[in-house]
Amino acid sequence: MSHPIERQPHVDTNMPLRALKARKIEVLLGLDEERSRGSLLEVGTGSGGIAHYFAHSTSRQWSVSAVDVIDNRQLKDGYDFQLIEGCLLPFADETFDVVISNHVIEHVGDESSQLLHLRELRRVLKPGGRGYLAVPNRWMVVEPHYRVPFLSWLPKRWRSRYLRCFKAGGVYDCEPLTMRGVERLLTAAALGFENICLQALRVILTLENSAAPAVRAIADLPDPLLSRLLPIMPTLIYRLRR
């Protein structure tokens, strides 16, 4: 008989990096447009860096709410916060103009929980609202939570043993998705979606202004060539709508 996995929080406390992530989301969803305003929800806020960024945007256009299963916030002011249990969100239908799920879905549990997470995002999003979903690709070379190569490539029953071989942890508690898998779940959740991995790559290169030759070489590749790499992009990123 298998036992439920005890899932641990994986919180990024690099606050300058969180602000950069928030700025990327802002650009990709067009939230910096002059007339953008309304209510914004971040699910799984972690250190609170993204919620704090939008709560303190220069024009103060957003009324920001955030939820998480554990309070690990480093930045707490300017937005509402609620602790939750599981995937159900404590908000009425069609409450938010914007919903953000940034590297959360791989932590919520098995496929049924992941589908519930997406259905909740859709439920609380207003018609015509905008959503952002980012999830690590199962086919990433280095697993980002434990820094172990090819960890998520393995069958599930081998992953924890492999993790222990690297002395990086005891139990592998994440469920990264393939591109086909996440798009199947988005369809099942009745969410409209657009894969914006290429746009996200170019936005982050612009924001970071990286001068590394390898990075610049990638940035110079044409979209038709880069699009062939979509299934193996380290992070899968989607713009959502309902």
Protein backbone atom coordinates (compact mmCIF):
# COMPACT_ATOMS: atom_id res chain seq x y z
CA MET A 1 0.00 0.00 0.00
CA SER A 2 1.44 3.39 -0.97
CA HIS A 3 1.45 6.31 1.48
CA PRO A 4 0.67 9.94 0.62
CA ILE A 5 3.74 12.03 -0.05
CA GLU A 6 4.42 14.75 2.51
CA ARG A 7 5.03 17.74 0.25
CA GLN A 8 7.46 20.37 1.44
CA PRO A 9 7.40 24.12 0.67
CA HIS A 10 10.00 25.17 -1.86
CA VAL A 11 10.27 28.91 -1.31
CA ASP A 12 12.46 31.21 -3.36
CA THR A 13 13.64 33.98 -1.02
CA ASN A 14 15.77 35.77 -3.60
CA MET A 15 13.66 38.92 -3.55
CA PRO A 16 15.36 40.76 -6.44
CA LEU A 17 14.70 37.65 -8.54
CA ARG A 18 11.06 37.58 -7.40
CA ALA A 19 10.67 41.20 -8.49
CA LEU A 20 12.18 40.31 -11.86
CA LYS A 21 9.72 37.41 -12.20
CA ALA A 22 6.85 39.75 -11.35
CA ARG A 23 8.00 42.25 -13.95
CA LYS A 24 8.13 39.43 -16.53
CA ILE A 25 4.54 38.45 -15.70
CA GLU A 26 3.50 42.10 -15.89
CA VAL A 27 4.92 42.44 -19.39
CA LEU A 28 3.63 39.10 -20.68
CA LEU A 29 0.05 39.76 -19.52
CA GLY A 30 0.10 43.42 -20.51
CA LEU A 31 -0.54 44.48 -16.92
CA ASP A 32 1.61 47.57 -17.29
CA GLU A 33 -0.75 49.11 -19.80
CA GLU A 34 -2.03 52.51 -18.80
CA ARG A 35 -5.62 51.47 -18.19
CA SER A 36 -4.87 48.13 -16.52
CA ARG A 37 -6.37 47.93 -13.05
CA GLY A 38 -8.57 45.71 -10.92
CA SER A 39 -8.20 42.69 -8.67
CA LEU A 40 -5.27 40.28 -8.81
CA LEU A 41 -4.79 36.92 -7.08
CA GLU A 42 -1.51 35.07 -6.66
CA VAL A 43 -1.99 31.41 -5.72
CA GLY A 44 0.96 29.94 -3.80
CA THR A 45 2.66 33.21 -3.01
CA GLY A 46 5.64 31.68 -1.17
CA SER A 47 7.94 34.52 -0.09
CA GLY A 48 5.33 37.08 -1.19
CA GLY A 49 7.66 38.82 -3.62
CA ILE A 50 5.32 38.77 -6.61
CA ALA A 51 2.21 39.84 -4.64
CA HIS A 52 4.26 42.62 -3.01
CA TYR A 53 5.50 43.82 -6.41
CA PHE A 54 1.99 44.25 -7.81
CA ALA A 55 0.68 45.75 -4.56
CA HIS A 56 3.36 48.42 -4.80
CA SER A 57 3.35 49.05 -8.52
CA THR A 58 4.02 52.71 -9.23
CA SER A 59 0.45 53.42 -10.27
CA ARG A 60 -1.07 51.21 -7.48
CA GLN A 61 -3.58 49.87 -9.98
CA TRP A 62 -4.05 46.43 -8.44
CA SER A 63 -5.97 45.25 -5.42
CA VAL A 64 -3.87 42.20 -4.58
CA SER A 65 -4.81 39.00 -2.74
CA ALA A 66 -2.56 36.01 -2.13
CA VAL A 67 -3.00 32.52 -0.70
CA ASP A 68 -0.73 29.66 0.30
CA VAL A 69 -0.86 26.48 2.37
CA ILE A 70 2.02 27.70 4.59
CA ASP A 71 2.97 31.26 5.44
CA ASN A 72 6.58 31.69 4.34
CA ARG A 73 6.27 35.34 3.37
CA GLN A 74 9.26 37.62 3.57
CA LEU A 75 7.29 40.65 2.30
CA LYS A 76 3.82 41.03 3.83
CA ASP A 77 2.56 44.57 3.41
CA GLY A 78 0.19 46.02 0.86
CA TYR A 79 -1.89 42.95 0.04
CA ASP A 80 -4.39 40.54 1.63
CA PHE A 81 -3.26 37.05 2.53
CA GLN A 82 -5.13 33.89 3.50
CA LEU A 83 -3.93 30.46 4.49
CA ILE A 84 -5.72 27.67 2.63
CA GLU A 85 -5.83 23.88 2.72
CA GLY A 86 -5.45 22.03 -0.55
CA CYS A 87 -6.50 23.49 -3.88
CA LEU A 88 -9.88 25.05 -3.07
CA LEU A 89 -9.82 28.84 -3.14
CA PRO A 90 -11.84 30.86 -0.56
CA PHE A 91 -13.30 33.29 -3.09
CA ALA A 92 -16.58 33.63 -4.95
CA ASP A 93 -16.88 32.82 -8.64
CA GLU A 94 -15.55 35.45 -11.06
CA THR A 95 -13.81 37.56 -8.41
CA PHE A 96 -10.49 38.42 -10.05
CA ASP A 97 -9.35 40.21 -13.18
CA VAL A 98 -5.97 38.46 -13.02
CA VAL A 99 -4.88 35.12 -11.54
CA ILE A 100 -1.25 34.01 -11.22
CA SER A 101 0.05 30.49 -10.60
CA ASN A 102 3.82 30.63 -10.80
CA HIS A 103 5.55 27.28 -10.23
CA VAL A 104 2.74 26.02 -7.99
CA ILE A 105 0.91 23.26 -9.87
CA GLU A 106 3.83 20.80 -9.54
CA HIS A 107 3.42 21.02 -5.74
CA VAL A 108 -0.34 20.48 -5.36
CA GLY A 109 -0.35 16.70 -5.77
CA ASP A 110 -1.35 14.12 -8.33
CA GLU A 111 -3.13 14.74 -11.63
CA SER A 112 -6.57 15.03 -10.05
CA SER A 113 -5.29 17.75 -7.70
CA GLN A 114 -3.57 19.54 -10.57
CA LEU A 115 -6.83 19.56 -12.52
CA LEU A 116 -8.68 20.91 -9.47
CA HIS A 117 -6.05 23.66 -9.16
CA LEU A 118 -6.69 24.75 -12.75
CA ARG A 119 -10.47 24.55 -12.38
CA GLU A 120 -10.25 26.79 -9.31
CA LEU A 121 -8.18 29.32 -11.26
CA ARG A 122 -10.90 29.36 -13.92
CA ARG A 123 -13.72 29.59 -11.38
CA VAL A 124 -12.41 32.72 -9.66
CA LEU A 125 -11.31 34.44 -12.89
CA LYS A 126 -13.74 36.95 -14.37
CA PRO A 127 -14.90 36.41 -17.97
CA GLY A 128 -12.37 38.21 -20.12
CA GLY A 129 -9.81 38.10 -17.31
CA ARG A 130 -6.17 37.17 -17.74
CA GLY A 131 -4.21 34.35 -16.16
CA TYR A 132 -0.58 33.25 -15.94
CA LEU A 133 0.62 29.70 -15.46
CA ALA A 134 4.26 28.60 -15.23
CA VAL A 135 5.36 25.04 -14.52
CA PRO A 136 8.74 23.29 -14.77
CA ASN A 137 8.97 20.93 -17.71
CA ARG A 138 9.40 17.27 -16.83
CA TRP A 139 12.07 17.12 -19.55
CA MET A 140 14.28 19.80 -17.99
CA VAL A 141 17.90 18.69 -17.70
CA VAL A 142 18.40 19.83 -14.09
CA GLU A 143 15.46 19.57 -11.69
CA PRO A 144 15.14 23.11 -10.23
CA HIS A 145 14.02 22.27 -6.67
CA TYR A 146 16.78 19.77 -5.85
CA ARG A 147 19.42 20.65 -8.48
CA VAL A 148 19.74 17.00 -9.55
CA PRO A 149 20.18 16.18 -13.27
CA PHE A 150 17.52 14.12 -15.06
CA LEU A 151 15.57 13.52 -11.82
CA SER A 152 12.13 14.10 -13.30
CA TRP A 153 12.93 12.02 -16.39
CA LEU A 154 12.75 8.84 -14.31
CA PRO A 155 9.62 6.80 -13.59
CA LYS A 156 7.99 8.07 -10.41
CA ARG A 157 8.86 4.98 -8.39
CA TRP A 158 12.60 5.54 -8.99
CA ARG A 159 12.82 9.27 -8.32
CA SER A 160 13.17 9.32 -4.51
CA ARG A 161 15.84 6.61 -4.57
CA TYR A 162 17.74 8.54 -7.25
CA LEU A 163 17.40 11.73 -5.17
CA ARG A 164 18.93 9.98 -2.16
CA CYS A 165 21.88 8.81 -4.29
CA PHE A 166 22.81 12.50 -4.67
CA LYS A 167 22.18 13.13 -0.94
CA ALA A 168 19.83 15.92 -2.06
CA GLY A 169 16.77 14.83 -0.09
CA GLY A 170 14.70 11.88 1.07
CA VAL A 171 11.49 11.99 -0.98
CA TYR A 172 10.85 13.61 -4.33
CA ASP A 173 7.65 15.56 -3.70
CA CYS A 174 7.05 17.40 -6.99
CA GLU A 175 4.99 16.48 -10.06
CA PRO A 176 6.40 18.35 -13.09
CA LEU A 177 4.42 18.09 -16.30
CA THR A 178 5.19 17.62 -19.96
CA MET A 179 3.93 20.19 -22.47
CA ARG A 180 1.36 17.71 -23.74
CA GLY A 181 0.30 16.91 -20.17
CA VAL A 182 -0.23 20.48 -19.04
CA GLU A 183 -2.14 21.38 -22.21
CA ARG A 184 -4.38 18.33 -21.76
CA LEU A 185 -5.20 19.46 -18.21
CA LEU A 186 -5.84 23.04 -19.33
CA THR A 187 -8.30 21.75 -21.93
CA ALA A 188 -10.01 19.55 -19.34
CA ALA A 189 -10.32 22.59 -17.04
CA ALA A 190 -12.03 24.53 -19.88
CA LEU A 191 -9.37 27.25 -19.73
CA GLY A 192 -8.34 28.99 -22.88
CA PHE A 193 -4.57 29.08 -23.17
CA GLU A 194 -1.66 30.27 -25.27
CA ASN A 195 1.86 28.89 -25.01
CA ILE A 196 4.06 31.97 -24.55
CA CYS A 197 7.40 30.28 -23.83
CA LEU A 198 9.16 32.07 -26.68
CA GLN A 199 7.79 35.46 -25.68
CA ALA A 200 8.80 34.79 -22.09
CA LEU A 201 12.32 33.85 -23.16
CA ARG A 202 12.76 37.08 -25.09
CA VAL A 203 11.23 39.18 -22.32
CA ILE A 204 13.50 37.74 -19.65
CA LEU A 205 16.58 38.18 -21.87
CA THR A 206 15.62 41.81 -22.33
CA LEU A 207 14.97 42.38 -18.62
CA GLU A 208 18.20 40.69 -17.56
CA ASN A 209 20.14 42.36 -20.37
CA SER A 210 22.48 39.38 -20.37
CA ALA A 211 25.73 39.71 -22.31
CA ALA A 212 26.67 36.02 -22.10
CA PRO A 213 27.54 34.80 -25.63
CA ALA A 214 25.49 31.62 -25.33
CA VAL A 215 22.45 33.57 -24.15
CA ARG A 216 22.79 36.15 -26.89
CA ALA A 217 23.14 33.37 -29.48
CA ILE A 218 19.86 31.83 -28.31
CA ALA A 219 18.16 35.21 -28.34
CA ASP A 220 19.21 35.75 -31.95
CA LEU A 221 17.62 32.52 -33.18
CA PRO A 222 14.45 33.03 -35.26
CA ASP A 223 11.11 32.01 -33.75
CA PRO A 224 10.48 29.13 -36.22
CA LEU A 225 13.73 27.52 -35.07
CA LEU A 226 13.17 28.25 -31.38
CA SER A 227 9.64 26.87 -31.59
CA ARG A 228 11.11 23.42 -32.29
CA LEU A 229 12.55 23.56 -28.77
CA LEU A 230 9.20 24.21 -27.06
CA PRO A 231 8.68 20.63 -25.79
CA ILE A 232 12.03 20.79 -23.93
CA MET A 233 11.90 24.35 -22.64
CA PRO A 234 12.90 24.23 -18.92
CA THR A 235 9.76 26.14 -17.96
CA LEU A 236 6.38 25.90 -19.67
CA ILE A 237 4.56 29.24 -19.60
CA TYR A 238 0.96 29.97 -20.60
CA ARG A 239 -1.33 32.96 -20.87
CA LEU A 240 -4.79 31.89 -19.68
CA ARG A 241 -8.28 33.20 -20.37
CA ARG A 242 -11.88 32.19 -19.78
